[in-house]
N, C-alpha and C. Protein backbone atom coordinates (compact mmCIF):
# COMPACT_ATOMS: atom_id res chain seq x y z
N MET A 1 -5.49 8.78 -0.45
CA MET A 1 -5.73 8.42 -1.83
C MET A 1 -5.47 6.92 -2.00
N ASP A 2 -6.38 6.24 -2.64
CA ASP A 2 -6.27 4.80 -2.88
C ASP A 2 -5.50 4.58 -4.18
N LEU A 3 -4.21 4.26 -4.07
CA LEU A 3 -3.38 4.08 -5.26
C LEU A 3 -3.75 2.83 -6.05
N SER A 4 -4.36 1.86 -5.40
CA SER A 4 -4.71 0.62 -6.10
C SER A 4 -5.81 0.82 -7.14
N SER A 5 -6.50 1.94 -7.07
CA SER A 5 -7.58 2.19 -8.03
C SER A 5 -7.19 3.20 -9.11
N VAL A 6 -5.93 3.62 -9.13
CA VAL A 6 -5.49 4.59 -10.13
C VAL A 6 -5.45 3.92 -11.51
N VAL A 7 -6.13 4.52 -12.46
CA VAL A 7 -6.08 4.09 -13.85
C VAL A 7 -5.91 5.35 -14.68
N ILE A 8 -4.89 5.35 -15.52
CA ILE A 8 -4.62 6.49 -16.38
C ILE A 8 -4.77 6.02 -17.82
N ILE A 9 -5.59 6.70 -18.57
CA ILE A 9 -5.80 6.37 -19.98
C ILE A 9 -5.16 7.46 -20.83
N THR A 10 -4.32 7.05 -21.78
CA THR A 10 -3.72 8.00 -22.72
C THR A 10 -4.29 7.69 -24.11
N THR A 11 -3.72 8.29 -25.10
CA THR A 11 -4.18 8.05 -26.47
C THR A 11 -4.12 6.57 -26.83
N ARG A 12 -3.02 5.90 -26.43
CA ARG A 12 -2.84 4.50 -26.82
C ARG A 12 -2.74 3.51 -25.67
N LEU A 13 -2.60 4.01 -24.43
CA LEU A 13 -2.26 3.14 -23.31
C LEU A 13 -3.25 3.18 -22.16
N LYS A 14 -3.33 2.06 -21.48
CA LYS A 14 -3.97 1.98 -20.17
C LYS A 14 -2.84 1.73 -19.19
N ILE A 15 -2.71 2.63 -18.22
CA ILE A 15 -1.66 2.56 -17.20
C ILE A 15 -2.36 2.30 -15.87
N SER A 16 -2.03 1.16 -15.26
CA SER A 16 -2.72 0.79 -14.01
C SER A 16 -1.79 -0.01 -13.11
N PRO A 17 -2.13 -0.10 -11.82
CA PRO A 17 -1.26 -0.81 -10.88
C PRO A 17 -0.94 -2.24 -11.33
N VAL A 18 0.30 -2.62 -11.10
CA VAL A 18 0.79 -3.94 -11.49
C VAL A 18 -0.03 -5.04 -10.81
N THR A 19 -0.31 -6.09 -11.57
CA THR A 19 -1.03 -7.25 -11.05
C THR A 19 -0.37 -8.52 -11.54
N LYS A 20 -0.75 -9.63 -10.93
CA LYS A 20 -0.20 -10.93 -11.33
C LYS A 20 -0.62 -11.33 -12.73
N GLN A 21 -1.60 -10.65 -13.28
CA GLN A 21 -2.04 -10.93 -14.65
C GLN A 21 -0.87 -10.83 -15.63
N TYR A 22 0.11 -9.98 -15.32
CA TYR A 22 1.22 -9.73 -16.24
C TYR A 22 2.53 -10.37 -15.79
N ILE A 23 2.45 -11.35 -14.88
CA ILE A 23 3.66 -11.97 -14.36
C ILE A 23 4.52 -12.58 -15.47
N GLN A 24 3.89 -13.30 -16.38
CA GLN A 24 4.66 -13.94 -17.46
C GLN A 24 5.26 -12.90 -18.39
N ASN A 25 4.49 -11.84 -18.70
CA ASN A 25 5.01 -10.77 -19.56
C ASN A 25 6.23 -10.11 -18.93
N ILE A 26 6.12 -9.76 -17.66
CA ILE A 26 7.22 -9.10 -16.97
C ILE A 26 8.44 -10.01 -16.95
N PHE A 27 8.23 -11.28 -16.62
CA PHE A 27 9.33 -12.24 -16.58
C PHE A 27 9.98 -12.37 -17.96
N ASP A 28 9.18 -12.56 -19.00
CA ASP A 28 9.71 -12.77 -20.35
C ASP A 28 10.42 -11.53 -20.91
N GLU A 29 9.94 -10.35 -20.57
CA GLU A 29 10.46 -9.12 -21.18
C GLU A 29 11.61 -8.46 -20.43
N THR A 30 11.92 -8.93 -19.22
CA THR A 30 13.07 -8.37 -18.50
C THR A 30 14.32 -9.14 -18.91
N THR A 31 14.67 -8.95 -20.17
CA THR A 31 15.84 -9.58 -20.77
C THR A 31 17.10 -8.80 -20.37
N PRO A 32 18.27 -9.40 -20.57
CA PRO A 32 19.51 -8.66 -20.26
C PRO A 32 19.60 -7.30 -20.97
N ASP A 33 19.09 -7.21 -22.20
CA ASP A 33 19.08 -5.91 -22.91
C ASP A 33 18.27 -4.87 -22.15
N ILE A 34 17.17 -5.29 -21.55
CA ILE A 34 16.29 -4.37 -20.82
C ILE A 34 16.87 -4.03 -19.45
N THR A 35 17.38 -5.02 -18.74
CA THR A 35 17.81 -4.80 -17.35
C THR A 35 19.22 -4.25 -17.22
N LYS A 36 19.94 -4.12 -18.32
CA LYS A 36 21.33 -3.66 -18.17
C LYS A 36 21.43 -2.28 -17.54
N TYR A 37 20.41 -1.45 -17.69
CA TYR A 37 20.42 -0.12 -17.08
C TYR A 37 19.52 -0.02 -15.85
N LEU A 38 18.94 -1.13 -15.43
CA LEU A 38 18.02 -1.13 -14.29
C LEU A 38 18.72 -1.62 -13.03
N THR A 39 18.07 -1.43 -11.91
CA THR A 39 18.67 -1.81 -10.62
C THR A 39 18.41 -3.27 -10.28
N PHE A 40 17.84 -4.01 -11.20
CA PHE A 40 17.59 -5.44 -10.97
C PHE A 40 17.90 -6.21 -12.23
N ASP A 41 18.06 -7.52 -12.09
CA ASP A 41 18.24 -8.43 -13.21
C ASP A 41 17.16 -9.49 -13.13
N ASN A 42 16.88 -10.12 -14.25
CA ASN A 42 15.98 -11.26 -14.26
C ASN A 42 16.79 -12.46 -13.78
N SER A 43 16.40 -13.03 -12.66
CA SER A 43 17.15 -14.14 -12.06
C SER A 43 16.94 -15.45 -12.81
N GLY A 44 15.98 -15.48 -13.71
CA GLY A 44 15.65 -16.72 -14.39
C GLY A 44 14.63 -17.54 -13.63
N ASN A 45 14.17 -17.01 -12.51
CA ASN A 45 13.19 -17.70 -11.66
C ASN A 45 11.92 -16.85 -11.61
N ILE A 46 10.85 -17.37 -12.16
CA ILE A 46 9.60 -16.60 -12.21
C ILE A 46 9.07 -16.27 -10.81
N GLN A 47 9.49 -17.03 -9.80
CA GLN A 47 9.07 -16.72 -8.43
C GLN A 47 9.61 -15.36 -7.98
N ASP A 48 10.75 -14.94 -8.52
CA ASP A 48 11.27 -13.61 -8.19
C ASP A 48 10.39 -12.52 -8.80
N THR A 49 9.85 -12.79 -9.99
CA THR A 49 8.92 -11.84 -10.60
C THR A 49 7.63 -11.77 -9.79
N GLU A 50 7.17 -12.92 -9.32
CA GLU A 50 5.98 -12.95 -8.46
C GLU A 50 6.24 -12.17 -7.17
N LYS A 51 7.44 -12.30 -6.63
CA LYS A 51 7.81 -11.55 -5.42
C LYS A 51 7.81 -10.04 -5.70
N PHE A 52 8.34 -9.64 -6.86
CA PHE A 52 8.33 -8.22 -7.25
C PHE A 52 6.89 -7.69 -7.27
N ILE A 53 5.98 -8.46 -7.85
CA ILE A 53 4.59 -8.01 -7.93
C ILE A 53 3.97 -7.94 -6.54
N SER A 54 4.22 -8.94 -5.72
CA SER A 54 3.68 -8.94 -4.35
C SER A 54 4.20 -7.76 -3.54
N GLU A 55 5.52 -7.51 -3.63
CA GLU A 55 6.11 -6.37 -2.91
C GLU A 55 5.59 -5.05 -3.45
N SER A 56 5.38 -4.98 -4.76
CA SER A 56 4.82 -3.76 -5.36
C SER A 56 3.42 -3.50 -4.83
N LYS A 57 2.61 -4.54 -4.74
CA LYS A 57 1.24 -4.39 -4.24
C LYS A 57 1.24 -3.92 -2.79
N ILE A 58 2.18 -4.40 -1.99
CA ILE A 58 2.30 -3.95 -0.60
C ILE A 58 2.62 -2.46 -0.57
N LYS A 59 3.53 -2.01 -1.43
CA LYS A 59 3.90 -0.59 -1.48
C LYS A 59 2.73 0.27 -1.96
N ILE A 60 1.97 -0.26 -2.91
CA ILE A 60 0.79 0.46 -3.41
C ILE A 60 -0.24 0.60 -2.29
N GLU A 61 -0.49 -0.48 -1.57
CA GLU A 61 -1.45 -0.45 -0.47
C GLU A 61 -0.98 0.45 0.67
N ALA A 62 0.35 0.52 0.87
CA ALA A 62 0.91 1.39 1.91
C ALA A 62 0.96 2.85 1.47
N LYS A 63 0.62 3.08 0.21
CA LYS A 63 0.58 4.44 -0.36
C LYS A 63 1.96 5.10 -0.41
N THR A 64 3.01 4.29 -0.60
CA THR A 64 4.36 4.84 -0.72
C THR A 64 4.84 4.85 -2.16
N ASP A 65 4.32 3.95 -2.98
CA ASP A 65 4.75 3.81 -4.36
C ASP A 65 3.55 3.47 -5.24
N LEU A 66 3.63 3.91 -6.48
CA LEU A 66 2.64 3.51 -7.48
C LEU A 66 3.41 2.82 -8.59
N ILE A 67 3.36 1.49 -8.61
CA ILE A 67 4.06 0.70 -9.63
C ILE A 67 3.00 0.22 -10.61
N VAL A 68 3.22 0.50 -11.89
CA VAL A 68 2.18 0.28 -12.90
C VAL A 68 2.69 -0.56 -14.07
N THR A 69 1.71 -1.12 -14.78
CA THR A 69 1.98 -1.72 -16.08
C THR A 69 1.31 -0.85 -17.12
N MET A 70 1.88 -0.89 -18.31
CA MET A 70 1.29 -0.20 -19.43
C MET A 70 0.89 -1.24 -20.47
N VAL A 71 -0.35 -1.16 -20.93
CA VAL A 71 -0.84 -2.04 -21.99
C VAL A 71 -1.55 -1.19 -23.04
N THR A 72 -1.51 -1.66 -24.27
CA THR A 72 -2.20 -0.91 -25.32
C THR A 72 -3.71 -1.04 -25.13
N ILE A 73 -4.41 0.03 -25.41
CA ILE A 73 -5.87 0.04 -25.25
C ILE A 73 -6.53 -0.90 -26.26
N ILE A 74 -6.09 -0.86 -27.49
CA ILE A 74 -6.78 -1.62 -28.54
C ILE A 74 -6.56 -3.12 -28.41
N THR A 75 -5.30 -3.55 -28.24
CA THR A 75 -5.00 -4.99 -28.24
C THR A 75 -4.73 -5.58 -26.86
N GLY A 76 -4.48 -4.72 -25.87
CA GLY A 76 -4.12 -5.22 -24.55
C GLY A 76 -2.69 -5.72 -24.47
N ASP A 77 -1.88 -5.38 -25.47
CA ASP A 77 -0.49 -5.82 -25.52
C ASP A 77 0.31 -5.18 -24.39
N PHE A 78 1.04 -6.00 -23.65
CA PHE A 78 1.89 -5.52 -22.56
C PHE A 78 3.05 -4.71 -23.15
N ILE A 79 3.30 -3.52 -22.59
CA ILE A 79 4.35 -2.63 -23.07
C ILE A 79 5.52 -2.54 -22.10
N GLY A 80 5.25 -2.50 -20.80
CA GLY A 80 6.32 -2.39 -19.82
C GLY A 80 5.79 -1.99 -18.46
N CYS A 81 6.71 -1.58 -17.60
CA CYS A 81 6.36 -1.16 -16.24
C CYS A 81 6.96 0.22 -15.96
N ALA A 82 6.34 0.91 -15.05
CA ALA A 82 6.85 2.21 -14.60
C ALA A 82 6.50 2.35 -13.13
N GLY A 83 7.10 3.34 -12.50
CA GLY A 83 6.81 3.53 -11.10
C GLY A 83 7.03 4.95 -10.64
N ILE A 84 6.22 5.34 -9.68
CA ILE A 84 6.44 6.57 -8.92
C ILE A 84 6.75 6.09 -7.51
N HIS A 85 7.97 6.30 -7.08
CA HIS A 85 8.43 5.80 -5.79
C HIS A 85 8.55 6.97 -4.80
N ASN A 86 8.47 6.66 -3.53
CA ASN A 86 8.58 7.68 -2.47
C ASN A 86 7.55 8.79 -2.68
N ILE A 87 6.34 8.39 -2.94
CA ILE A 87 5.25 9.32 -3.26
C ILE A 87 5.03 10.39 -2.19
N ASN A 88 5.24 10.04 -0.95
CA ASN A 88 4.93 10.97 0.14
C ASN A 88 6.09 11.86 0.54
N THR A 89 7.08 11.98 -0.33
CA THR A 89 8.22 12.84 -0.02
C THR A 89 8.17 14.09 -0.89
N SER A 90 9.08 14.99 -0.64
CA SER A 90 9.14 16.22 -1.45
C SER A 90 9.83 15.97 -2.79
N HIS A 91 10.33 14.75 -2.99
CA HIS A 91 11.00 14.44 -4.25
C HIS A 91 10.72 13.00 -4.69
N PRO A 92 9.47 12.73 -5.11
CA PRO A 92 9.15 11.39 -5.60
C PRO A 92 10.03 11.03 -6.79
N GLU A 93 10.26 9.73 -6.94
CA GLU A 93 11.18 9.24 -7.98
C GLU A 93 10.39 8.52 -9.07
N LEU A 94 10.72 8.84 -10.29
CA LEU A 94 10.04 8.27 -11.45
C LEU A 94 10.99 7.31 -12.17
N GLY A 95 10.46 6.17 -12.60
CA GLY A 95 11.26 5.21 -13.36
C GLY A 95 10.39 4.46 -14.35
N ILE A 96 11.03 3.90 -15.38
CA ILE A 96 10.28 3.22 -16.44
C ILE A 96 11.17 2.22 -17.15
N TRP A 97 10.56 1.16 -17.64
CA TRP A 97 11.20 0.29 -18.64
C TRP A 97 10.15 -0.16 -19.64
N ILE A 98 10.57 -0.24 -20.88
CA ILE A 98 9.71 -0.62 -22.00
C ILE A 98 10.29 -1.88 -22.64
N LYS A 99 9.44 -2.85 -22.95
CA LYS A 99 9.94 -4.07 -23.58
C LYS A 99 10.61 -3.72 -24.91
N LYS A 100 11.56 -4.55 -25.31
CA LYS A 100 12.39 -4.28 -26.48
C LYS A 100 11.56 -4.01 -27.74
N SER A 101 10.56 -4.86 -28.01
CA SER A 101 9.80 -4.73 -29.25
C SER A 101 8.91 -3.48 -29.29
N ALA A 102 8.72 -2.82 -28.15
CA ALA A 102 7.87 -1.62 -28.10
C ALA A 102 8.69 -0.34 -28.00
N GLN A 103 10.01 -0.46 -27.98
CA GLN A 103 10.85 0.73 -27.86
C GLN A 103 10.87 1.52 -29.17
N ARG A 104 11.14 2.80 -29.04
CA ARG A 104 11.23 3.73 -30.17
C ARG A 104 9.89 3.91 -30.91
N LYS A 105 8.81 3.77 -30.15
CA LYS A 105 7.47 3.96 -30.71
C LYS A 105 6.69 5.02 -29.95
N GLY A 106 7.36 5.73 -29.04
CA GLY A 106 6.72 6.81 -28.30
C GLY A 106 5.99 6.39 -27.04
N PHE A 107 6.03 5.10 -26.69
CA PHE A 107 5.33 4.64 -25.49
C PHE A 107 5.97 5.18 -24.21
N GLY A 108 7.29 5.30 -24.20
CA GLY A 108 7.97 5.85 -23.03
C GLY A 108 7.55 7.30 -22.78
N ARG A 109 7.58 8.09 -23.83
CA ARG A 109 7.18 9.50 -23.73
C ARG A 109 5.72 9.62 -23.29
N GLU A 110 4.86 8.80 -23.87
CA GLU A 110 3.43 8.84 -23.54
C GLU A 110 3.21 8.49 -22.07
N THR A 111 3.93 7.48 -21.59
CA THR A 111 3.80 7.06 -20.20
C THR A 111 4.34 8.11 -19.24
N ILE A 112 5.54 8.60 -19.51
CA ILE A 112 6.16 9.58 -18.61
C ILE A 112 5.30 10.84 -18.55
N LYS A 113 4.80 11.30 -19.70
CA LYS A 113 3.94 12.49 -19.69
C LYS A 113 2.70 12.24 -18.84
N ALA A 114 2.08 11.08 -19.00
CA ALA A 114 0.87 10.76 -18.22
C ALA A 114 1.17 10.71 -16.73
N LEU A 115 2.30 10.12 -16.35
CA LEU A 115 2.64 10.03 -14.93
C LEU A 115 3.00 11.40 -14.35
N ILE A 116 3.70 12.22 -15.12
CA ILE A 116 4.01 13.58 -14.65
C ILE A 116 2.71 14.37 -14.47
N ASP A 117 1.82 14.27 -15.44
CA ASP A 117 0.53 14.98 -15.33
C ASP A 117 -0.24 14.50 -14.10
N TRP A 118 -0.22 13.18 -13.84
CA TRP A 118 -0.91 12.63 -12.67
C TRP A 118 -0.27 13.17 -11.39
N MET A 119 1.05 13.23 -11.36
CA MET A 119 1.75 13.74 -10.18
C MET A 119 1.41 15.21 -9.93
N LYS A 120 1.38 16.01 -11.00
CA LYS A 120 1.04 17.42 -10.85
C LYS A 120 -0.37 17.60 -10.28
N ALA A 121 -1.28 16.73 -10.67
CA ALA A 121 -2.67 16.84 -10.23
C ALA A 121 -2.91 16.25 -8.84
N ASN A 122 -2.04 15.33 -8.40
CA ASN A 122 -2.34 14.58 -7.17
C ASN A 122 -1.31 14.66 -6.06
N LEU A 123 -0.13 15.17 -6.34
CA LEU A 123 0.93 15.19 -5.33
C LEU A 123 1.43 16.61 -5.10
N ILE A 124 1.97 16.82 -3.93
CA ILE A 124 2.68 18.06 -3.62
C ILE A 124 4.14 17.68 -3.49
N TYR A 125 4.99 18.32 -4.28
CA TYR A 125 6.40 17.96 -4.27
C TYR A 125 7.26 19.17 -4.65
N GLU A 126 8.52 19.08 -4.28
CA GLU A 126 9.49 20.12 -4.64
C GLU A 126 10.03 19.87 -6.05
N TYR A 127 10.34 18.60 -6.33
CA TYR A 127 10.81 18.20 -7.65
C TYR A 127 10.60 16.70 -7.81
N ILE A 128 10.62 16.26 -9.06
CA ILE A 128 10.57 14.83 -9.38
C ILE A 128 11.99 14.38 -9.66
N SER A 129 12.39 13.30 -9.03
CA SER A 129 13.71 12.71 -9.25
C SER A 129 13.59 11.62 -10.33
N TYR A 130 14.57 11.59 -11.23
CA TYR A 130 14.60 10.59 -12.30
C TYR A 130 16.03 10.10 -12.44
N PRO A 131 16.42 9.11 -11.63
CA PRO A 131 17.78 8.58 -11.75
C PRO A 131 17.90 7.69 -12.98
N VAL A 132 19.00 7.82 -13.70
CA VAL A 132 19.18 7.06 -14.93
C VAL A 132 20.67 6.77 -15.14
N SER A 133 20.95 5.58 -15.65
CA SER A 133 22.33 5.24 -15.99
C SER A 133 22.82 6.24 -17.04
N LYS A 134 24.03 6.74 -16.84
CA LYS A 134 24.58 7.71 -17.80
C LYS A 134 24.69 7.11 -19.20
N GLU A 135 24.80 5.79 -19.29
CA GLU A 135 24.92 5.11 -20.58
C GLU A 135 23.58 4.98 -21.30
N ASN A 136 22.48 5.18 -20.61
CA ASN A 136 21.15 5.00 -21.18
C ASN A 136 20.71 6.29 -21.89
N ILE A 137 21.24 6.47 -23.07
CA ILE A 137 21.04 7.72 -23.82
C ILE A 137 19.55 7.96 -24.11
N ALA A 138 18.82 6.92 -24.51
CA ALA A 138 17.39 7.11 -24.84
C ALA A 138 16.61 7.62 -23.63
N SER A 139 16.86 7.05 -22.46
CA SER A 139 16.14 7.49 -21.26
C SER A 139 16.56 8.90 -20.85
N ARG A 140 17.82 9.21 -21.05
CA ARG A 140 18.29 10.57 -20.74
C ARG A 140 17.62 11.59 -21.65
N LYS A 141 17.56 11.28 -22.94
CA LYS A 141 16.91 12.20 -23.89
C LYS A 141 15.42 12.35 -23.56
N LEU A 142 14.81 11.25 -23.12
CA LEU A 142 13.39 11.30 -22.76
C LEU A 142 13.14 12.30 -21.65
N ILE A 143 13.87 12.19 -20.55
CA ILE A 143 13.63 13.09 -19.41
C ILE A 143 14.07 14.52 -19.73
N GLU A 144 15.12 14.66 -20.53
CA GLU A 144 15.55 16.01 -20.95
C GLU A 144 14.46 16.69 -21.78
N SER A 145 13.70 15.91 -22.55
CA SER A 145 12.65 16.49 -23.38
C SER A 145 11.51 17.08 -22.54
N PHE A 146 11.43 16.68 -21.28
CA PHE A 146 10.44 17.24 -20.36
C PHE A 146 11.02 18.35 -19.49
N GLY A 147 12.28 18.72 -19.75
CA GLY A 147 12.92 19.78 -18.97
C GLY A 147 13.77 19.29 -17.82
N GLY A 148 14.00 17.98 -17.75
CA GLY A 148 14.83 17.43 -16.68
C GLY A 148 16.28 17.91 -16.79
N VAL A 149 16.86 18.24 -15.64
CA VAL A 149 18.25 18.69 -15.59
C VAL A 149 19.01 17.84 -14.57
N ILE A 150 20.28 17.58 -14.88
CA ILE A 150 21.11 16.80 -13.97
C ILE A 150 21.45 17.65 -12.75
N LYS A 151 21.17 17.10 -11.57
CA LYS A 151 21.47 17.80 -10.33
C LYS A 151 22.41 17.00 -9.43
N ALA A 152 22.64 15.73 -9.76
CA ALA A 152 23.54 14.91 -8.96
C ALA A 152 24.04 13.74 -9.81
N GLU A 153 25.19 13.24 -9.45
CA GLU A 153 25.75 12.05 -10.09
C GLU A 153 26.25 11.14 -8.99
N ARG A 154 26.14 9.83 -9.22
CA ARG A 154 26.57 8.88 -8.18
C ARG A 154 26.78 7.51 -8.79
N LEU A 155 27.55 6.70 -8.06
CA LEU A 155 27.64 5.28 -8.36
C LEU A 155 26.61 4.59 -7.48
N PHE A 156 25.78 3.79 -8.08
CA PHE A 156 24.72 3.10 -7.35
C PHE A 156 24.98 1.60 -7.42
N THR A 157 24.98 0.95 -6.26
CA THR A 157 25.12 -0.50 -6.22
C THR A 157 23.76 -1.11 -5.91
N SER A 158 23.28 -1.92 -6.84
CA SER A 158 21.96 -2.54 -6.68
C SER A 158 22.03 -3.69 -5.69
N PRO A 159 20.86 -4.16 -5.24
CA PRO A 159 20.84 -5.31 -4.33
C PRO A 159 21.52 -6.55 -4.92
N THR A 160 21.58 -6.64 -6.25
CA THR A 160 22.24 -7.79 -6.88
C THR A 160 23.73 -7.56 -7.09
N GLY A 161 24.22 -6.38 -6.69
CA GLY A 161 25.64 -6.08 -6.81
C GLY A 161 26.03 -5.35 -8.09
N LYS A 162 25.06 -5.07 -8.94
CA LYS A 162 25.33 -4.33 -10.17
C LYS A 162 25.66 -2.89 -9.82
N ILE A 163 26.71 -2.36 -10.43
CA ILE A 163 27.11 -0.97 -10.19
C ILE A 163 26.70 -0.15 -11.40
N LEU A 164 25.91 0.89 -11.15
CA LEU A 164 25.46 1.79 -12.21
C LEU A 164 26.03 3.18 -11.96
N ASP A 165 26.55 3.78 -13.01
CA ASP A 165 27.00 5.17 -12.96
C ASP A 165 25.79 6.02 -13.34
N GLU A 166 25.18 6.63 -12.34
CA GLU A 166 23.90 7.31 -12.55
C GLU A 166 24.00 8.83 -12.55
N ALA A 167 23.11 9.41 -13.33
CA ALA A 167 22.84 10.84 -13.26
C ALA A 167 21.43 10.98 -12.69
N GLU A 168 21.27 11.85 -11.72
CA GLU A 168 19.93 12.11 -11.19
C GLU A 168 19.40 13.37 -11.84
N TYR A 169 18.39 13.17 -12.67
CA TYR A 169 17.70 14.30 -13.28
C TYR A 169 16.61 14.77 -12.32
N ARG A 170 16.33 16.05 -12.38
CA ARG A 170 15.23 16.60 -11.59
C ARG A 170 14.32 17.42 -12.50
N LEU A 171 13.04 17.24 -12.26
CA LEU A 171 12.00 18.01 -12.94
C LEU A 171 11.32 18.87 -11.90
N PHE A 172 11.27 20.14 -12.14
CA PHE A 172 10.64 21.06 -11.20
C PHE A 172 9.27 21.45 -11.71
N PRO A 173 8.30 21.60 -10.78
CA PRO A 173 6.93 21.94 -11.22
C PRO A 173 6.85 23.30 -11.88
């Protein structure tokens, strides 16, 4: 399956593989408020965002991950990024972040539903993993609304040294 050609259209969003077209948006919107629950921080250097996009494209081409941007269909407004990681395993991992100004408008739910539906149609898996910081109540409620249940807890140290107290939710087909 060619992941670089995946395009998912929802009621309001176009979800497609990340490209350099959105480098400035990704850089500008990964504020401390957004990254506090993520495994990365914005270094303040746009070259790191460019590296993220380049590495994402390599993973997409290798068919191991599908890292996407979400934009509104009508205006083309950048909403955020999401990813399906470890696609070829029995437990692919789902993740998402939404820019601050687009939060609490249903874009997260719309994106997660679309990605879960895509996974059901295109992947064979035992369960979907959704690791989330225990402090990230909105993200926890989001995955719980799809039937996600906590199956593991752990302290996760990111490459930047950030320690997150995570709950791993699992969604079963």
